[in-house]
Amino acid sequence: MTETWTADTTGLLRFPSGRTIRGRGVMAPMSDGPAPEFGYYMLDAPPTGITWPHVWVPWPDFGLPSDSDVAAEAFHDALRRAATARVEVACAGGHGRTGTALSCIAVLDGVPASEAVEYVRAGYRRTAVETDAQAAFVAAFTASHTA
């Protein structure tokens, strides 16, 4: 049986369905506890030093994903995997891109679009989603990728 994240895992966000995903910044030291079983990395370049299965989502710092369809596929997959595995979503600092991704995942899990950014800020990190464009991406994602 898979060892799950514990409630005190740094960066853990619990979604309405009960699924959990850990958000973090890859520049920060790895927290204690088990490693992720799968990770999604929103970065300018492919991640280095990641030893577990993962997906790289090309995404410039303070910007939006280079390909929104690739990002949407990763968000759907992360939520699906979180039902049975330890999933991590991360960018360099763990704020903007990570918060944007977690907000989109929250929408997929039933959080109203108008509340998704605040849901993530309250449950993950107050500084999640750093730019107006990132907040707008969450709202646009709601309309076009929740089928």
C-alpha atoms as a PDB file:
ATOM      1  CA  MET A   1       0.000   0.000   0.000  1.00  0.00           C
ATOM      2  CA  THR A   2       1.180   3.510  -0.816  1.00  0.00           C
ATOM      3  CA  GLU A   3       2.288   5.642   2.109  1.00  0.00           C
ATOM      4  CA  THR A   4       0.184   8.774   1.879  1.00  0.00           C
ATOM      5  CA  TRP A   5       1.056  12.357   2.631  1.00  0.00           C
ATOM      6  CA  THR A   6       0.331  13.261   6.242  1.00  0.00           C
ATOM      7  CA  ALA A   7      -1.858  16.225   7.193  1.00  0.00           C
ATOM      8  CA  ASP A   8       1.207  18.161   8.370  1.00  0.00           C
ATOM      9  CA  THR A   9       3.107  17.735   5.088  1.00  0.00           C
ATOM     10  CA  THR A  10       4.501  21.121   4.098  1.00  0.00           C
ATOM     11  CA  GLY A  11       2.618  22.550   1.111  1.00  0.00           C
ATOM     12  CA  LEU A  12      -0.197  20.000   1.184  1.00  0.00           C
ATOM     13  CA  LEU A  13      -3.503  21.161  -0.304  1.00  0.00           C
ATOM     14  CA  ARG A  14      -6.669  19.150   0.335  1.00  0.00           C
ATOM     15  CA  PHE A  15      -9.279  19.413  -2.406  1.00  0.00           C
ATOM     16  CA  PRO A  16     -13.063  19.106  -1.891  1.00  0.00           C
ATOM     17  CA  SER A  17     -12.966  15.455  -3.025  1.00  0.00           C
ATOM     18  CA  GLY A  18     -10.482  14.682  -0.237  1.00  0.00           C
ATOM     19  CA  ARG A  19      -7.612  14.216  -2.682  1.00  0.00           C
ATOM     20  CA  THR A  20      -4.375  15.922  -1.738  1.00  0.00           C
ATOM     21  CA  ILE A  21      -1.531  17.380  -3.787  1.00  0.00           C
ATOM     22  CA  ARG A  22       1.679  18.844  -2.438  1.00  0.00           C
ATOM     23  CA  GLY A  23       2.784  22.168  -3.863  1.00  0.00           C
ATOM     24  CA  ARG A  24       6.350  23.375  -3.485  1.00  0.00           C
ATOM     25  CA  GLY A  25       9.203  25.325  -4.972  1.00  0.00           C
ATOM     26  CA  VAL A  26      11.977  23.183  -6.407  1.00  0.00           C
ATOM     27  CA  MET A  27      14.567  25.730  -5.257  1.00  0.00           C
ATOM     28  CA  ALA A  28      13.621  25.038  -1.612  1.00  0.00           C
ATOM     29  CA  PRO A  29      14.990  22.034   0.262  1.00  0.00           C
ATOM     30  CA  MET A  30      12.875  18.891   0.042  1.00  0.00           C
ATOM     31  CA  SER A  31      10.625  18.532   3.072  1.00  0.00           C
ATOM     32  CA  ASP A  32      10.673  15.508   5.351  1.00  0.00           C
ATOM     33  CA  GLY A  33       8.490  12.554   4.586  1.00  0.00           C
ATOM     34  CA  PRO A  34       8.040  10.343   1.571  1.00  0.00           C
ATOM     35  CA  ALA A  35       9.004  11.480  -1.904  1.00  0.00           C
ATOM     36  CA  PRO A  36       6.270  12.087  -4.466  1.00  0.00           C
ATOM     37  CA  GLU A  37       5.230   9.167  -6.612  1.00  0.00           C
ATOM     38  CA  PHE A  38       4.587  11.523  -9.512  1.00  0.00           C
ATOM     39  CA  GLY A  39       5.368  15.175 -10.105  1.00  0.00           C
ATOM     40  CA  TYR A  40       4.286  17.988 -12.422  1.00  0.00           C
ATOM     41  CA  TYR A  41       6.878  20.718 -12.917  1.00  0.00           C
ATOM     42  CA  MET A  42       5.921  24.121 -14.313  1.00  0.00           C
ATOM     43  CA  LEU A  43       9.336  25.447 -15.298  1.00  0.00           C
ATOM     44  CA  ASP A  44      11.232  27.317 -18.027  1.00  0.00           C
ATOM     45  CA  ALA A  45      13.411  24.247 -18.643  1.00  0.00           C
ATOM     46  CA  PRO A  46      13.136  20.549 -17.790  1.00  0.00           C
ATOM     47  CA  PRO A  47      13.676  19.842 -14.089  1.00  0.00           C
ATOM     48  CA  THR A  48      16.938  18.357 -12.885  1.00  0.00           C
ATOM     49  CA  GLY A  49      17.519  16.027  -9.962  1.00  0.00           C
ATOM     50  CA  ILE A  50      13.999  14.591  -9.984  1.00  0.00           C
ATOM     51  CA  THR A  51      14.239  10.823  -9.485  1.00  0.00           C
ATOM     52  CA  TRP A  52      10.536   9.902  -9.608  1.00  0.00           C
ATOM     53  CA  PRO A  53       8.260   9.841 -12.669  1.00  0.00           C
ATOM     54  CA  HIS A  54       7.247  13.319 -13.726  1.00  0.00           C
ATOM     55  CA  VAL A  55       5.934  15.613 -16.427  1.00  0.00           C
ATOM     56  CA  TRP A  56       7.523  18.904 -17.423  1.00  0.00           C
ATOM     57  CA  VAL A  57       5.062  21.627 -18.394  1.00  0.00           C
ATOM     58  CA  PRO A  58       6.994  24.424 -20.178  1.00  0.00           C
ATOM     59  CA  TRP A  59       5.973  27.629 -18.402  1.00  0.00           C
ATOM     60  CA  PRO A  60       8.007  30.864 -18.055  1.00  0.00           C
ATOM     61  CA  ASP A  61       8.333  32.482 -14.635  1.00  0.00           C
ATOM     62  CA  PHE A  62       5.566  35.046 -13.955  1.00  0.00           C
ATOM     63  CA  GLY A  63       3.903  33.956 -17.205  1.00  0.00           C
ATOM     64  CA  LEU A  64       1.456  31.446 -18.554  1.00  0.00           C
ATOM     65  CA  PRO A  65       2.016  27.915 -19.863  1.00  0.00           C
ATOM     66  CA  SER A  66       3.628  27.753 -23.282  1.00  0.00           C
ATOM     67  CA  ASP A  67       0.848  25.374 -24.377  1.00  0.00           C
ATOM     68  CA  SER A  68      -2.429  25.587 -22.456  1.00  0.00           C
ATOM     69  CA  ASP A  69      -3.587  22.196 -23.774  1.00  0.00           C
ATOM     70  CA  VAL A  70      -0.464  20.500 -22.375  1.00  0.00           C
ATOM     71  CA  ALA A  71      -1.055  22.268 -19.060  1.00  0.00           C
ATOM     72  CA  ALA A  72      -4.735  21.262 -18.974  1.00  0.00           C
ATOM     73  CA  GLU A  73      -3.819  17.644 -19.649  1.00  0.00           C
ATOM     74  CA  ALA A  74      -1.334  17.767 -16.750  1.00  0.00           C
ATOM     75  CA  PHE A  75      -3.959  19.284 -14.405  1.00  0.00           C
ATOM     76  CA  HIS A  76      -6.498  16.579 -15.246  1.00  0.00           C
ATOM     77  CA  ASP A  77      -3.853  13.875 -14.852  1.00  0.00           C
ATOM     78  CA  ALA A  78      -2.630  15.269 -11.511  1.00  0.00           C
ATOM     79  CA  LEU A  79      -6.132  15.206 -10.047  1.00  0.00           C
ATOM     80  CA  ARG A  80      -6.703  11.671 -11.350  1.00  0.00           C
ATOM     81  CA  ARG A  81      -3.389  10.394  -9.961  1.00  0.00           C
ATOM     82  CA  ALA A  82      -3.975  12.087  -6.591  1.00  0.00           C
ATOM     83  CA  ALA A  83      -6.769   9.587  -5.927  1.00  0.00           C
ATOM     84  CA  THR A  84      -4.198   6.832  -5.380  1.00  0.00           C
ATOM     85  CA  ALA A  85      -0.707   8.347  -5.298  1.00  0.00           C
ATOM     86  CA  ARG A  86       1.440  11.068  -3.734  1.00  0.00           C
ATOM     87  CA  VAL A  87       1.395  13.861  -6.308  1.00  0.00           C
ATOM     88  CA  GLU A  88       3.468  17.019  -6.312  1.00  0.00           C
ATOM     89  CA  VAL A  89       3.018  20.213  -8.346  1.00  0.00           C
ATOM     90  CA  ALA A  90       5.950  22.600  -8.346  1.00  0.00           C
ATOM     91  CA  CYS A  91       7.667  25.545  -9.997  1.00  0.00           C
ATOM     92  CA  ALA A  92      10.876  27.320  -9.025  1.00  0.00           C
ATOM     93  CA  GLY A  93       9.549  29.264  -6.045  1.00  0.00           C
ATOM     94  CA  GLY A  94       6.266  27.492  -5.394  1.00  0.00           C
ATOM     95  CA  HIS A  95       4.109  30.613  -5.710  1.00  0.00           C
ATOM     96  CA  GLY A  96       2.833  31.806  -9.108  1.00  0.00           C
ATOM     97  CA  ARG A  97       2.941  28.851 -11.461  1.00  0.00           C
ATOM     98  CA  THR A  98       2.323  26.301  -8.706  1.00  0.00           C
ATOM     99  CA  GLY A  99      -0.583  28.354  -7.351  1.00  0.00           C
ATOM    100  CA  THR A 100      -2.054  28.777 -10.802  1.00  0.00           C
ATOM    101  CA  ALA A 101      -1.846  25.045 -11.484  1.00  0.00           C
ATOM    102  CA  LEU A 102      -3.369  24.187  -8.088  1.00  0.00           C
ATOM    103  CA  SER A 103      -6.165  26.711  -8.718  1.00  0.00           C
ATOM    104  CA  CYS A 104      -7.009  25.072 -12.053  1.00  0.00           C
ATOM    105  CA  ILE A 105      -6.973  21.654 -10.386  1.00  0.00           C
ATOM    106  CA  ALA A 106      -9.301  23.015  -7.697  1.00  0.00           C
ATOM    107  CA  VAL A 107     -11.736  24.105 -10.407  1.00  0.00           C
ATOM    108  CA  LEU A 108     -11.630  20.591 -11.858  1.00  0.00           C
ATOM    109  CA  ASP A 109     -12.442  19.253  -8.384  1.00  0.00           C
ATOM    110  CA  GLY A 110     -15.517  21.443  -8.042  1.00  0.00           C
ATOM    111  CA  VAL A 111     -14.360  24.738  -6.537  1.00  0.00           C
ATOM    112  CA  PRO A 112     -16.223  27.582  -8.264  1.00  0.00           C
ATOM    113  CA  ALA A 113     -13.957  29.542 -10.592  1.00  0.00           C
ATOM    114  CA  SER A 114     -14.651  32.745  -8.702  1.00  0.00           C
ATOM    115  CA  GLU A 115     -13.303  31.130  -5.514  1.00  0.00           C
ATOM    116  CA  ALA A 116     -10.462  28.942  -6.819  1.00  0.00           C
ATOM    117  CA  VAL A 117      -7.557  31.362  -6.345  1.00  0.00           C
ATOM    118  CA  GLU A 118      -8.693  32.264  -2.829  1.00  0.00           C
ATOM    119  CA  TYR A 119      -9.229  28.567  -2.039  1.00  0.00           C
ATOM    120  CA  VAL A 120      -5.605  27.871  -2.941  1.00  0.00           C
ATOM    121  CA  ARG A 121      -4.317  30.958  -1.132  1.00  0.00           C
ATOM    122  CA  ALA A 122      -6.186  29.898   2.018  1.00  0.00           C
ATOM    123  CA  GLY A 123      -5.220  26.226   1.873  1.00  0.00           C
ATOM    124  CA  TYR A 124      -1.764  26.274   0.329  1.00  0.00           C
ATOM    125  CA  ARG A 125       0.017  29.637   0.343  1.00  0.00           C
ATOM    126  CA  ARG A 126      -1.151  33.253   0.623  1.00  0.00           C
ATOM    127  CA  THR A 127       1.211  34.267  -2.198  1.00  0.00           C
ATOM    128  CA  ALA A 128      -0.135  31.699  -4.678  1.00  0.00           C
ATOM    129  CA  VAL A 129      -1.016  33.091  -8.121  1.00  0.00           C
ATOM    130  CA  GLU A 130       1.237  36.119  -8.555  1.00  0.00           C
ATOM    131  CA  THR A 131      -0.060  38.008 -11.576  1.00  0.00           C
ATOM    132  CA  ASP A 132      -3.338  39.247 -12.990  1.00  0.00           C
ATOM    133  CA  ALA A 133      -2.642  37.168 -16.102  1.00  0.00           C
ATOM    134  CA  GLN A 134      -2.325  34.016 -13.985  1.00  0.00           C
ATOM    135  CA  ALA A 135      -5.633  34.768 -12.240  1.00  0.00           C
ATOM    136  CA  ALA A 136      -7.255  35.350 -15.634  1.00  0.00           C
ATOM    137  CA  PHE A 137      -5.827  32.030 -16.846  1.00  0.00           C
ATOM    138  CA  VAL A 138      -7.629  30.260 -14.000  1.00  0.00           C
ATOM    139  CA  ALA A 139     -10.909  31.920 -14.994  1.00  0.00           C
ATOM    140  CA  ALA A 140     -10.402  31.097 -18.688  1.00  0.00           C
ATOM    141  CA  PHE A 141      -9.417  27.520 -17.838  1.00  0.00           C
ATOM    142  CA  THR A 142     -12.747  27.090 -16.102  1.00  0.00           C
ATOM    143  CA  ALA A 143     -14.729  27.897 -19.206  1.00  0.00           C
ATOM    144  CA  SER A 144     -12.712  25.815 -21.627  1.00  0.00           C
ATOM    145  CA  HIS A 145     -11.255  22.777 -19.871  1.00  0.00           C
ATOM    146  CA  THR A 146     -13.701  21.364 -17.323  1.00  0.00           C
ATOM    147  CA  ALA A 147     -15.517  18.918 -19.587  1.00  0.00           C
END
